[in-house]
Amino acid sequence: MSPRENGSEEEPVIRDNRKIDPETGKARESAGEAPEAAPADQGTQAAAPAEGSARDLLAERTADLQRLQAEFSNYRKRVERDRIAVREQAVASVLTELLPVLDDIGRARDHGELTGGFAKVSESLEAAVAKLGLAAYGVKGDPFDPTVHEALLHSYSAEVTEPTCVEILQPGYRINDRILRAARVAVAEPSEEAAAPEETAADSGESGEPDEN
């Protein structure tokens, strides 16, 4: 019995060591050769640009976020400012329409006609407009100010030293710092006699000494 028959001898192993694959025509990679390892410093050099790019991207996104936050804050302030302005304009428009009513109430009070239920209604109305910021101004003796007074009458007086409101013909009204209606007044200015300086004794030739002649 031959060695092959009793299994005591292994079959021969055939290895193909050809560099070119006969089927594909491409070069074969050697099974025993390990892929060439990349240098250690090459990985470090690749990581450094990646970290720099990440920092730049983070700084850019942070700047964008800060800019958006500033724009939103400015937008919110502008909206709030516009809302307040619209409200003030609406209140001023309503109060302006009520000024003739307040004038009638004032005239009735001056003539002693503000009595009974009408007096209570007028007091309630005046309290309501006061809560909205409406205030009357203009008092006899106030210095004349053309920015808040409207002069309807003009005269001269020796009793004043500057243009003065000597009569309030119609009170003015303001809401906060906004003038709704200028006060209509009669204005008096110093007379020429009062404005001229008084002559001294020397100017009049009176020295207090007897005349030698």
N, C-alpha and C. Protein backbone atom coordinates (compact mmCIF):
# COMPACT_ATOMS: atom_id res chain seq x y z
N MET A 1 0.87 -1.18 0.00
CA MET A 1 0.00 0.00 0.00
C MET A 1 0.90 1.22 0.00
N SER A 2 0.55 2.19 -0.89
CA SER A 2 1.38 3.39 -1.04
C SER A 2 1.09 4.38 0.07
N PRO A 3 2.06 5.26 0.37
CA PRO A 3 1.85 6.25 1.42
C PRO A 3 0.66 7.15 1.16
N ARG A 4 0.39 7.45 -0.12
CA ARG A 4 -0.76 8.31 -0.44
C ARG A 4 -2.05 7.64 -0.06
N GLU A 5 -2.11 6.31 -0.19
CA GLU A 5 -3.35 5.59 0.05
C GLU A 5 -3.68 5.55 1.54
N ASN A 6 -2.70 5.40 2.42
CA ASN A 6 -3.01 5.30 3.83
C ASN A 6 -3.04 6.66 4.52
N GLY A 7 -2.88 7.77 3.79
CA GLY A 7 -3.04 9.10 4.37
C GLY A 7 -1.87 9.56 5.18
N SER A 8 -0.75 8.88 5.10
CA SER A 8 0.39 9.26 5.91
C SER A 8 1.19 10.38 5.30
N GLU A 9 0.95 10.71 4.05
CA GLU A 9 1.72 11.77 3.37
C GLU A 9 0.77 12.83 2.85
N GLU A 10 1.07 14.18 3.15
CA GLU A 10 0.18 15.28 2.72
C GLU A 10 0.35 15.56 1.24
N GLU A 11 -0.69 16.13 0.65
CA GLU A 11 -0.64 16.50 -0.76
C GLU A 11 0.24 17.72 -0.92
N PRO A 12 0.93 17.84 -2.02
CA PRO A 12 1.82 19.00 -2.25
C PRO A 12 1.01 20.30 -2.36
N VAL A 13 1.57 21.41 -1.79
CA VAL A 13 0.92 22.73 -1.83
C VAL A 13 1.58 23.55 -2.92
N ILE A 14 0.75 24.13 -3.79
CA ILE A 14 1.28 24.91 -4.92
C ILE A 14 0.98 26.38 -4.65
N ARG A 15 1.99 27.24 -4.65
CA ARG A 15 1.86 28.68 -4.41
C ARG A 15 2.14 29.41 -5.71
N ASP A 16 1.25 30.39 -6.00
CA ASP A 16 1.43 31.22 -7.21
C ASP A 16 2.13 32.51 -6.78
N ASN A 17 3.38 32.66 -7.07
CA ASN A 17 4.17 33.84 -6.69
C ASN A 17 4.33 34.85 -7.82
N ARG A 18 3.50 34.71 -8.80
CA ARG A 18 3.63 35.65 -9.92
C ARG A 18 3.20 37.07 -9.50
N LYS A 19 3.94 38.07 -9.94
CA LYS A 19 3.68 39.47 -9.60
C LYS A 19 2.43 40.01 -10.30
N ILE A 20 2.12 39.44 -11.47
CA ILE A 20 0.99 39.89 -12.26
C ILE A 20 -0.09 38.84 -12.20
N ASP A 21 -1.32 39.29 -11.91
CA ASP A 21 -2.45 38.37 -11.90
C ASP A 21 -2.77 38.03 -13.34
N PRO A 22 -2.70 36.74 -13.67
CA PRO A 22 -2.95 36.39 -15.10
C PRO A 22 -4.39 36.63 -15.53
N GLU A 23 -5.31 36.69 -14.59
CA GLU A 23 -6.72 36.89 -14.97
C GLU A 23 -7.05 38.36 -15.16
N THR A 24 -6.56 39.24 -14.23
CA THR A 24 -6.90 40.66 -14.31
C THR A 24 -5.81 41.50 -14.97
N GLY A 25 -4.61 41.00 -14.98
CA GLY A 25 -3.51 41.76 -15.57
C GLY A 25 -3.00 42.87 -14.67
N LYS A 26 -3.44 42.90 -13.38
CA LYS A 26 -3.00 43.92 -12.44
C LYS A 26 -1.94 43.36 -11.52
N ALA A 27 -1.12 44.27 -11.00
CA ALA A 27 -0.06 43.85 -10.09
C ALA A 27 -0.65 43.40 -8.78
N ARG A 28 -0.10 42.30 -8.26
CA ARG A 28 -0.57 41.78 -6.99
C ARG A 28 0.20 42.42 -5.84
N GLU A 29 -0.50 42.55 -4.67
CA GLU A 29 0.17 43.00 -3.46
C GLU A 29 0.71 41.79 -2.74
N SER A 30 1.89 41.94 -2.27
CA SER A 30 2.52 40.83 -1.57
C SER A 30 1.80 40.61 -0.25
N ALA A 31 1.42 39.35 -0.02
CA ALA A 31 0.67 39.02 1.20
C ALA A 31 1.48 39.25 2.44
N GLY A 32 2.78 39.15 2.31
CA GLY A 32 3.61 39.28 3.50
C GLY A 32 4.01 40.71 3.80
N GLU A 33 3.75 41.60 2.89
CA GLU A 33 4.15 42.99 3.09
C GLU A 33 3.06 43.75 3.82
N ALA A 34 3.40 44.40 4.88
CA ALA A 34 2.44 45.22 5.65
C ALA A 34 2.38 46.61 5.06
N PRO A 35 1.23 47.27 5.11
CA PRO A 35 1.15 48.63 4.55
C PRO A 35 2.08 49.55 5.30
N GLU A 36 2.66 50.43 4.54
CA GLU A 36 3.64 51.36 5.11
C GLU A 36 2.93 52.31 6.08
N ALA A 37 3.42 52.39 7.30
CA ALA A 37 2.81 53.22 8.33
C ALA A 37 3.14 54.68 8.09
N ALA A 38 2.14 55.54 8.32
CA ALA A 38 2.37 56.98 8.16
C ALA A 38 3.25 57.48 9.28
N PRO A 39 4.11 58.43 8.99
CA PRO A 39 4.96 58.99 10.05
C PRO A 39 4.09 59.58 11.16
N ALA A 40 4.62 59.50 12.41
CA ALA A 40 3.87 59.99 13.55
C ALA A 40 3.64 61.47 13.47
N ASP A 41 4.60 62.25 12.99
CA ASP A 41 4.44 63.70 12.93
C ASP A 41 3.44 64.12 11.88
N GLN A 42 3.17 63.24 10.90
CA GLN A 42 2.19 63.59 9.87
C GLN A 42 0.79 63.72 10.47
N GLY A 43 0.42 62.85 11.41
CA GLY A 43 -0.87 62.94 12.09
C GLY A 43 -0.97 64.18 12.93
N THR A 44 0.13 64.58 13.58
CA THR A 44 0.12 65.79 14.39
C THR A 44 -0.07 67.02 13.53
N GLN A 45 0.64 67.02 12.38
CA GLN A 45 0.50 68.16 11.47
C GLN A 45 -0.92 68.26 10.91
N ALA A 46 -1.57 67.14 10.69
CA ALA A 46 -2.94 67.16 10.17
C ALA A 46 -3.93 67.62 11.24
N ALA A 47 -3.65 67.29 12.52
CA ALA A 47 -4.56 67.67 13.59
C ALA A 47 -4.47 69.16 13.90
N ALA A 48 -3.28 69.77 13.75
CA ALA A 48 -3.11 71.18 14.07
C ALA A 48 -3.97 72.08 13.19
N PRO A 49 -3.97 71.91 11.86
CA PRO A 49 -4.87 72.76 11.04
C PRO A 49 -6.34 72.54 11.37
N ALA A 50 -6.70 71.30 11.76
CA ALA A 50 -8.10 71.04 12.09
C ALA A 50 -8.52 71.80 13.34
N GLU A 51 -7.65 71.86 14.35
CA GLU A 51 -7.96 72.60 15.56
C GLU A 51 -8.06 74.10 15.28
N GLY A 52 -7.14 74.63 14.45
CA GLY A 52 -7.20 76.05 14.10
C GLY A 52 -8.47 76.39 13.35
N SER A 53 -8.88 75.51 12.45
CA SER A 53 -10.11 75.75 11.69
C SER A 53 -11.33 75.73 12.61
N ALA A 54 -11.33 74.84 13.62
CA ALA A 54 -12.45 74.77 14.55
C ALA A 54 -12.54 76.04 15.40
N ARG A 55 -11.38 76.56 15.83
CA ARG A 55 -11.39 77.79 16.62
C ARG A 55 -11.90 78.96 15.79
N ASP A 56 -11.47 79.04 14.53
CA ASP A 56 -11.93 80.11 13.66
C ASP A 56 -13.44 80.02 13.44
N LEU A 57 -13.92 78.81 13.25
CA LEU A 57 -15.35 78.63 13.03
C LEU A 57 -16.14 79.01 14.28
N LEU A 58 -15.62 78.64 15.47
CA LEU A 58 -16.29 78.99 16.71
C LEU A 58 -16.33 80.51 16.91
N ALA A 59 -15.20 81.18 16.61
CA ALA A 59 -15.16 82.64 16.75
C ALA A 59 -16.14 83.30 15.78
N GLU A 60 -16.24 82.76 14.57
CA GLU A 60 -17.16 83.33 13.58
C GLU A 60 -18.61 83.16 14.01
N ARG A 61 -18.94 81.99 14.52
CA ARG A 61 -20.31 81.74 14.96
C ARG A 61 -20.65 82.59 16.19
N THR A 62 -19.67 82.77 17.08
CA THR A 62 -19.90 83.61 18.26
C THR A 62 -20.15 85.06 17.85
N ALA A 63 -19.36 85.56 16.89
CA ALA A 63 -19.57 86.93 16.40
C ALA A 63 -20.94 87.08 15.75
N ASP A 64 -21.36 86.06 15.00
CA ASP A 64 -22.69 86.11 14.37
C ASP A 64 -23.79 86.15 15.44
N LEU A 65 -23.62 85.33 16.48
CA LEU A 65 -24.62 85.30 17.55
C LEU A 65 -24.69 86.64 18.28
N GLN A 66 -23.54 87.24 18.55
CA GLN A 66 -23.52 88.55 19.23
C GLN A 66 -24.16 89.62 18.36
N ARG A 67 -23.91 89.57 17.07
CA ARG A 67 -24.51 90.55 16.16
C ARG A 67 -26.03 90.40 16.12
N LEU A 68 -26.49 89.16 16.04
CA LEU A 68 -27.94 88.92 16.03
C LEU A 68 -28.59 89.37 17.34
N GLN A 69 -27.90 89.13 18.45
CA GLN A 69 -28.43 89.54 19.74
C GLN A 69 -28.53 91.06 19.83
N ALA A 70 -27.50 91.78 19.33
CA ALA A 70 -27.53 93.24 19.34
C ALA A 70 -28.64 93.77 18.44
N GLU A 71 -28.82 93.15 17.27
CA GLU A 71 -29.88 93.59 16.36
C GLU A 71 -31.25 93.37 16.97
N PHE A 72 -31.43 92.24 17.65
CA PHE A 72 -32.73 91.97 18.28
C PHE A 72 -32.99 92.94 19.42
N SER A 73 -31.94 93.26 20.20
CA SER A 73 -32.11 94.22 21.30
C SER A 73 -32.49 95.59 20.76
N ASN A 74 -31.84 96.03 19.69
CA ASN A 74 -32.19 97.33 19.08
C ASN A 74 -33.60 97.30 18.52
N TYR A 75 -33.98 96.20 17.91
CA TYR A 75 -35.34 96.08 17.36
C TYR A 75 -36.38 96.15 18.47
N ARG A 76 -36.12 95.46 19.59
CA ARG A 76 -37.06 95.48 20.70
C ARG A 76 -37.20 96.89 21.28
N LYS A 77 -36.06 97.60 21.42
CA LYS A 77 -36.12 98.98 21.93
C LYS A 77 -36.89 99.89 20.96
N ARG A 78 -36.66 99.70 19.66
CA ARG A 78 -37.35 100.54 18.68
C ARG A 78 -38.86 100.28 18.70
N VAL A 79 -39.24 99.02 18.82
CA VAL A 79 -40.67 98.68 18.88
C VAL A 79 -41.31 99.29 20.13
N GLU A 80 -40.61 99.20 21.26
CA GLU A 80 -41.15 99.76 22.51
C GLU A 80 -41.26 101.28 22.40
N ARG A 81 -40.25 101.92 21.80
CA ARG A 81 -40.29 103.38 21.63
C ARG A 81 -41.44 103.78 20.72
N ASP A 82 -41.63 103.04 19.64
CA ASP A 82 -42.74 103.35 18.72
C ASP A 82 -44.09 103.13 19.40
N ARG A 83 -44.17 102.09 20.22
CA ARG A 83 -45.44 101.81 20.91
C ARG A 83 -45.79 102.95 21.86
N ILE A 84 -44.79 103.44 22.59
CA ILE A 84 -45.03 104.55 23.52
C ILE A 84 -45.43 105.81 22.75
N ALA A 85 -44.74 106.06 21.62
CA ALA A 85 -45.05 107.25 20.83
C ALA A 85 -46.48 107.19 20.28
N VAL A 86 -46.90 106.02 19.82
CA VAL A 86 -48.26 105.87 19.29
C VAL A 86 -49.29 106.10 20.40
N ARG A 87 -49.00 105.55 21.59
CA ARG A 87 -49.92 105.73 22.71
C ARG A 87 -50.03 107.21 23.09
N GLU A 88 -48.89 107.89 23.18
CA GLU A 88 -48.91 109.31 23.54
C GLU A 88 -49.65 110.14 22.50
N GLN A 89 -49.47 109.79 21.24
CA GLN A 89 -50.17 110.52 20.17
C GLN A 89 -51.68 110.32 20.27
N ALA A 90 -52.09 109.09 20.57
CA ALA A 90 -53.52 108.81 20.69
C ALA A 90 -54.13 109.55 21.89
N VAL A 91 -53.42 109.53 23.02
CA VAL A 91 -53.91 110.23 24.21
C VAL A 91 -53.98 111.73 23.95
N ALA A 92 -52.95 112.28 23.29
CA ALA A 92 -52.93 113.71 23.00
C ALA A 92 -54.09 114.10 22.09
N SER A 93 -54.41 113.26 21.12
CA SER A 93 -55.50 113.56 20.20
C SER A 93 -56.84 113.62 20.95
N VAL A 94 -57.05 112.66 21.86
CA VAL A 94 -58.31 112.64 22.62
C VAL A 94 -58.40 113.86 23.53
N LEU A 95 -57.30 114.17 24.23
CA LEU A 95 -57.32 115.30 25.16
C LEU A 95 -57.50 116.63 24.43
N THR A 96 -56.95 116.73 23.23
CA THR A 96 -57.12 117.97 22.46
C THR A 96 -58.59 118.21 22.14
N GLU A 97 -59.31 117.13 21.85
CA GLU A 97 -60.74 117.26 21.57
C GLU A 97 -61.53 117.66 22.82
N LEU A 98 -61.00 117.37 23.99
CA LEU A 98 -61.71 117.69 25.24
C LEU A 98 -61.41 119.10 25.75
N LEU A 99 -60.44 119.79 25.16
CA LEU A 99 -60.08 121.12 25.67
C LEU A 99 -61.25 122.11 25.62
N PRO A 100 -62.05 122.16 24.56
CA PRO A 100 -63.19 123.08 24.59
C PRO A 100 -64.17 122.79 25.74
N VAL A 101 -64.34 121.50 26.07
CA VAL A 101 -65.21 121.15 27.19
C VAL A 101 -64.63 121.68 28.49
N LEU A 102 -63.31 121.54 28.65
CA LEU A 102 -62.66 122.06 29.86
C LEU A 102 -62.75 123.58 29.92
N ASP A 103 -62.71 124.25 28.76
CA ASP A 103 -62.87 125.70 28.74
C ASP A 103 -64.26 126.09 29.23
N ASP A 104 -65.27 125.37 28.79
CA ASP A 104 -66.64 125.66 29.23
C ASP A 104 -66.78 125.45 30.73
N ILE A 105 -66.15 124.40 31.24
CA ILE A 105 -66.20 124.15 32.68
C ILE A 105 -65.53 125.29 33.45
N GLY A 106 -64.40 125.76 32.92
CA GLY A 106 -63.71 126.86 33.58
C GLY A 106 -64.52 128.13 33.60
N ARG A 107 -65.18 128.46 32.49
CA ARG A 107 -66.02 129.67 32.45
C ARG A 107 -67.21 129.55 33.38
N ALA A 108 -67.80 128.35 33.43
CA ALA A 108 -68.93 128.15 34.34
C ALA A 108 -68.49 128.30 35.79
N ARG A 109 -67.29 127.83 36.11
CA ARG A 109 -66.79 127.98 37.48
C ARG A 109 -66.54 129.45 37.80
N ASP A 110 -66.00 130.20 36.85
CA ASP A 110 -65.73 131.62 37.09
C ASP A 110 -67.02 132.42 37.32
N HIS A 111 -68.12 132.01 36.69
CA HIS A 111 -69.39 132.70 36.83
C HIS A 111 -70.26 132.11 37.94
N GLY A 112 -69.75 131.18 38.69
CA GLY A 112 -70.54 130.60 39.78
C GLY A 112 -71.63 129.68 39.33
N GLU A 113 -71.54 129.14 38.11
CA GLU A 113 -72.59 128.28 37.59
C GLU A 113 -72.27 126.80 37.74
N LEU A 114 -71.14 126.49 38.33
CA LEU A 114 -70.74 125.10 38.46
C LEU A 114 -71.28 124.55 39.78
N THR A 115 -72.52 124.08 39.74
CA THR A 115 -73.19 123.59 40.95
C THR A 115 -73.90 122.28 40.67
N GLY A 116 -74.30 121.62 41.73
CA GLY A 116 -75.11 120.40 41.60
C GLY A 116 -74.37 119.26 40.93
N GLY A 117 -75.16 118.49 40.18
CA GLY A 117 -74.60 117.32 39.49
C GLY A 117 -73.56 117.69 38.46
N PHE A 118 -73.75 118.86 37.84
CA PHE A 118 -72.80 119.30 36.83
C PHE A 118 -71.42 119.49 37.45
N ALA A 119 -71.37 119.95 38.67
CA ALA A 119 -70.09 120.15 39.35
C ALA A 119 -69.39 118.81 39.58
N LYS A 120 -70.14 117.79 39.97
CA LYS A 120 -69.54 116.48 40.21
C LYS A 120 -69.02 115.86 38.91
N VAL A 121 -69.79 116.03 37.84
CA VAL A 121 -69.36 115.49 36.54
C VAL A 121 -68.08 116.18 36.08
N SER A 122 -68.03 117.50 36.23
CA SER A 122 -66.86 118.25 35.80
C SER A 122 -65.63 117.87 36.63
N GLU A 123 -65.83 117.64 37.93
CA GLU A 123 -64.71 117.24 38.77
C GLU A 123 -64.19 115.86 38.37
N SER A 124 -65.11 114.97 38.04
CA SER A 124 -64.69 113.62 37.60
C SER A 124 -63.92 113.69 36.29
N LEU A 125 -64.39 114.54 35.37
CA LEU A 125 -63.71 114.69 34.09
C LEU A 125 -62.32 115.28 34.27
N GLU A 126 -62.20 116.30 35.10
CA GLU A 126 -60.90 116.92 35.33
C GLU A 126 -59.94 115.95 36.01
N ALA A 127 -60.45 115.11 36.90
CA ALA A 127 -59.59 114.12 37.56
C ALA A 127 -59.13 113.07 36.55
N ALA A 128 -60.01 112.68 35.63
CA ALA A 128 -59.65 111.66 34.64
C ALA A 128 -58.57 112.16 33.68
N VAL A 129 -58.70 113.39 33.20
CA VAL A 129 -57.70 113.91 32.27
C VAL A 129 -56.38 114.18 32.99
N ALA A 130 -56.46 114.50 34.28
CA ALA A 130 -55.22 114.71 35.05
C ALA A 130 -54.44 113.41 35.17
N LYS A 131 -55.14 112.28 35.32
CA LYS A 131 -54.47 110.99 35.38
C LYS A 131 -53.76 110.66 34.07
N LEU A 132 -54.27 111.18 32.98
CA LEU A 132 -53.64 110.96 31.68
C LEU A 132 -52.47 111.90 31.43
N GLY A 133 -52.20 112.77 32.39
CA GLY A 133 -51.04 113.66 32.28
C GLY A 133 -51.35 115.06 31.83
N LEU A 134 -52.63 115.41 31.66
CA LEU A 134 -53.00 116.75 31.21
C LEU A 134 -52.89 117.73 32.37
N ALA A 135 -52.26 118.86 32.11
CA ALA A 135 -52.10 119.89 33.15
C ALA A 135 -52.31 121.26 32.52
N ALA A 136 -53.08 122.10 33.22
CA ALA A 136 -53.28 123.48 32.77
C ALA A 136 -52.15 124.35 33.29
N TYR A 137 -51.82 125.40 32.54
CA TYR A 137 -50.79 126.34 32.99
C TYR A 137 -51.16 127.74 32.52
N GLY A 138 -50.51 128.70 33.11
CA GLY A 138 -50.78 130.10 32.79
C GLY A 138 -51.36 130.82 33.99
N VAL A 139 -50.53 131.65 34.63
CA VAL A 139 -50.96 132.40 35.80
C VAL A 139 -50.60 133.87 35.60
N LYS A 140 -51.50 134.73 36.03
CA LYS A 140 -51.25 136.16 35.94
C LYS A 140 -49.96 136.51 36.68
N GLY A 141 -49.07 137.23 35.99
CA GLY A 141 -47.78 137.59 36.57
C GLY A 141 -46.63 136.73 36.06
N ASP A 142 -46.94 135.68 35.28
CA ASP A 142 -45.85 134.86 34.72
C ASP A 142 -45.05 135.67 33.71
N PRO A 143 -43.73 135.49 33.67
CA PRO A 143 -42.95 136.11 32.59
C PRO A 143 -43.41 135.58 31.24
N PHE A 144 -43.49 136.47 30.28
CA PHE A 144 -43.97 136.06 28.96
C PHE A 144 -42.92 135.18 28.28
N ASP A 145 -43.35 134.02 27.79
CA ASP A 145 -42.47 133.09 27.07
C ASP A 145 -43.15 132.75 25.75
N PRO A 146 -42.61 133.20 24.64
CA PRO A 146 -43.29 132.96 23.35
C PRO A 146 -43.39 131.50 22.98
N THR A 147 -42.62 130.62 23.62
CA THR A 147 -42.70 129.20 23.30
C THR A 147 -43.91 128.52 23.93
N VAL A 148 -44.47 129.15 24.98
CA VAL A 148 -45.63 128.54 25.65
C VAL A 148 -46.79 129.51 25.78
N HIS A 149 -46.59 130.77 25.40
CA HIS A 149 -47.65 131.78 25.49
C HIS A 149 -47.95 132.34 24.10
N GLU A 150 -49.21 132.66 23.89
CA GLU A 150 -49.65 133.34 22.67
C GLU A 150 -50.21 134.71 23.07
N ALA A 151 -49.52 135.76 22.67
CA ALA A 151 -49.93 137.11 23.07
C ALA A 151 -51.05 137.60 22.17
N LEU A 152 -52.21 137.87 22.76
CA LEU A 152 -53.33 138.42 22.02
C LEU A 152 -53.47 139.93 22.22
N LEU A 153 -53.02 140.42 23.35
CA LEU A 153 -53.07 141.86 23.66
C LEU A 153 -51.69 142.31 24.12
N HIS A 154 -51.38 143.58 23.78
CA HIS A 154 -50.07 144.11 24.15
C HIS A 154 -50.22 145.51 24.72
N SER A 155 -49.46 145.81 25.77
CA SER A 155 -49.53 147.14 26.38
C SER A 155 -48.21 147.42 27.09
N TYR A 156 -48.10 148.67 27.62
CA TYR A 156 -46.93 149.06 28.40
C TYR A 156 -47.39 149.38 29.81
N SER A 157 -46.49 149.11 30.76
CA SER A 157 -46.84 149.35 32.16
C SER A 157 -45.59 149.70 32.94
N ALA A 158 -45.75 150.64 33.85
CA ALA A 158 -44.63 150.99 34.73
C ALA A 158 -44.51 150.02 35.89
N GLU A 159 -45.42 149.08 36.02
CA GLU A 159 -45.41 148.14 37.13
C GLU A 159 -44.63 146.87 36.83
N VAL A 160 -44.16 146.71 35.61
CA VAL A 160 -43.40 145.51 35.26
C VAL A 160 -42.00 145.90 34.83
N THR A 161 -41.08 144.98 35.00
CA THR A 161 -39.69 145.22 34.60
C THR A 161 -39.26 144.35 33.42
N GLU A 162 -40.18 143.50 32.98
CA GLU A 162 -39.92 142.62 31.83
C GLU A 162 -41.26 142.26 31.21
N PRO A 163 -41.28 141.78 29.98
CA PRO A 163 -42.57 141.36 29.40
C PRO A 163 -43.26 140.35 30.31
N THR A 164 -44.48 140.69 30.70
CA THR A 164 -45.18 139.91 31.71
C THR A 164 -46.62 139.63 31.28
N CYS A 165 -47.10 138.46 31.63
CA CYS A 165 -48.50 138.11 31.37
C CYS A 165 -49.35 138.80 32.44
N VAL A 166 -50.07 139.83 32.03
CA VAL A 166 -50.89 140.57 33.00
C VAL A 166 -52.33 140.08 33.01
N GLU A 167 -52.69 139.23 32.06
CA GLU A 167 -54.04 138.68 32.02
C GLU A 167 -54.00 137.35 31.27
N ILE A 168 -54.68 136.33 31.82
CA ILE A 168 -54.77 135.03 31.15
C ILE A 168 -56.13 134.95 30.48
N LEU A 169 -56.14 135.09 29.17
CA LEU A 169 -57.40 135.07 28.43
C LEU A 169 -57.91 133.65 28.22
N GLN A 170 -57.01 132.72 28.09
CA GLN A 170 -57.38 131.30 27.92
C GLN A 170 -56.21 130.46 28.43
N PRO A 171 -56.45 129.55 29.36
CA PRO A 171 -55.34 128.77 29.91
C PRO A 171 -54.71 127.86 28.85
N GLY A 172 -53.44 127.60 29.05
CA GLY A 172 -52.76 126.64 28.18
C GLY A 172 -52.80 125.25 28.79
N TYR A 173 -52.58 124.25 27.95
CA TYR A 173 -52.58 122.87 28.43
C TYR A 173 -51.35 122.16 27.86
N ARG A 174 -50.76 121.32 28.69
CA ARG A 174 -49.63 120.50 28.27
C ARG A 174 -49.82 119.09 28.83
N ILE A 175 -49.23 118.14 28.12
CA ILE A 175 -49.19 116.77 28.61
C ILE A 175 -47.72 116.39 28.71
N ASN A 176 -47.27 116.19 29.92
CA ASN A 176 -45.85 116.01 30.21
C ASN A 176 -45.10 117.24 29.71
N ASP A 177 -44.19 117.08 28.77
CA ASP A 177 -43.44 118.23 28.24
C ASP A 177 -43.99 118.70 26.90
N ARG A 178 -45.08 118.15 26.45
CA ARG A 178 -45.65 118.49 25.15
C ARG A 178 -46.77 119.50 25.31
N ILE A 179 -46.68 120.60 24.57
CA ILE A 179 -47.70 121.64 24.62
C ILE A 179 -48.85 121.26 23.69
N LEU A 180 -50.04 121.11 24.29
CA LEU A 180 -51.21 120.83 23.46
C LEU A 180 -51.83 122.12 22.95
N ARG A 181 -51.82 123.15 23.80
CA ARG A 181 -52.34 124.45 23.39
C ARG A 181 -51.63 125.52 24.20
N ALA A 182 -51.12 126.53 23.50
CA ALA A 182 -50.43 127.62 24.19
C ALA A 182 -51.43 128.48 24.95
N ALA A 183 -51.00 129.00 26.07
CA ALA A 183 -51.85 129.90 26.85
C ALA A 183 -51.98 131.23 26.13
N ARG A 184 -53.19 131.71 26.00
CA ARG A 184 -53.46 133.00 25.34
C ARG A 184 -53.53 134.08 26.40
N VAL A 185 -52.67 135.08 26.23
CA VAL A 185 -52.48 136.05 27.33
C VAL A 185 -52.44 137.48 26.79
N ALA A 186 -52.58 138.41 27.74
CA ALA A 186 -52.32 139.82 27.48
C ALA A 186 -50.95 140.13 28.08
N VAL A 187 -50.11 140.79 27.28
CA VAL A 187 -48.73 141.02 27.69
C VAL A 187 -48.50 142.51 27.90
N ALA A 188 -47.77 142.84 28.95
CA ALA A 188 -47.37 144.23 29.21
C ALA A 188 -45.85 144.29 29.28
N GLU A 189 -45.31 145.33 28.63
CA GLU A 189 -43.87 145.55 28.67
C GLU A 189 -43.58 146.80 29.50
N PRO A 190 -42.35 146.90 30.01
CA PRO A 190 -42.01 148.12 30.77
C PRO A 190 -42.18 149.37 29.91
N SER A 191 -42.73 150.43 30.52
CA SER A 191 -42.90 151.69 29.78
C SER A 191 -41.55 152.35 29.58
N GLU A 192 -41.48 153.28 28.62
CA GLU A 192 -40.23 153.94 28.33
C GLU A 192 -39.76 154.76 29.52
N GLU A 193 -40.69 155.36 30.25
CA GLU A 193 -40.31 156.16 31.41
C GLU A 193 -39.69 155.29 32.49
N ALA A 194 -40.26 154.09 32.70
CA ALA A 194 -39.72 153.22 33.73
C ALA A 194 -38.40 152.60 33.30
N ALA A 195 -38.25 152.41 31.98
CA ALA A 195 -37.03 151.79 31.50
C ALA A 195 -35.87 152.76 31.47
N ALA A 196 -36.15 154.08 31.34
CA ALA A 196 -35.07 155.05 31.25
C ALA A 196 -34.41 155.20 32.61
N PRO A 197 -33.10 155.29 32.69
CA PRO A 197 -32.42 155.46 33.98
C PRO A 197 -32.73 156.82 34.56
N GLU A 198 -32.81 156.87 35.90
CA GLU A 198 -33.09 158.14 36.56
C GLU A 198 -31.86 159.04 36.48
N GLU A 199 -32.13 160.34 36.32
CA GLU A 199 -31.03 161.29 36.24
C GLU A 199 -30.46 161.53 37.63
N THR A 200 -29.18 161.61 37.69
CA THR A 200 -28.52 161.89 38.95
C THR A 200 -28.47 163.39 39.18
N ALA A 201 -28.11 163.77 40.40
CA ALA A 201 -28.03 165.20 40.73
C ALA A 201 -26.96 165.89 39.90
N ALA A 202 -25.87 165.20 39.60
CA ALA A 202 -24.81 165.79 38.77
C ALA A 202 -25.30 166.04 37.37
N ASP A 203 -26.12 165.04 36.83
CA ASP A 203 -26.63 165.22 35.48
C ASP A 203 -27.59 166.39 35.40
N SER A 204 -28.34 166.69 36.46
CA SER A 204 -29.32 167.77 36.42
C SER A 204 -28.71 169.12 36.79
N GLY A 205 -27.41 169.15 37.14
CA GLY A 205 -26.74 170.40 37.47
C GLY A 205 -26.91 170.80 38.90
N GLU A 206 -27.50 169.98 39.76
CA GLU A 206 -27.68 170.29 41.16
C GLU A 206 -26.55 169.66 41.95
N SER A 207 -25.63 170.49 42.45
CA SER A 207 -24.48 169.95 43.19
C SER A 207 -24.61 170.09 44.69
N GLY A 208 -25.58 170.87 45.16
CA GLY A 208 -25.77 171.04 46.59
C GLY A 208 -24.94 172.19 47.14
N GLU A 209 -24.07 172.80 46.34
CA GLU A 209 -23.28 173.94 46.79
C GLU A 209 -23.90 175.25 46.28
N PRO A 210 -23.81 176.35 47.05
CA PRO A 210 -24.40 177.60 46.60
C PRO A 210 -23.68 178.15 45.38
N ASP A 211 -24.42 178.80 44.53
CA ASP A 211 -23.85 179.40 43.31
C ASP A 211 -23.05 180.62 43.68
N GLU A 212 -21.76 180.62 43.22
CA GLU A 212 -20.89 181.75 43.52
C GLU A 212 -21.39 183.03 42.88
N ASN A 213 -22.13 182.91 41.79
CA ASN A 213 -22.63 184.11 41.15
C ASN A 213 -23.89 184.57 41.86
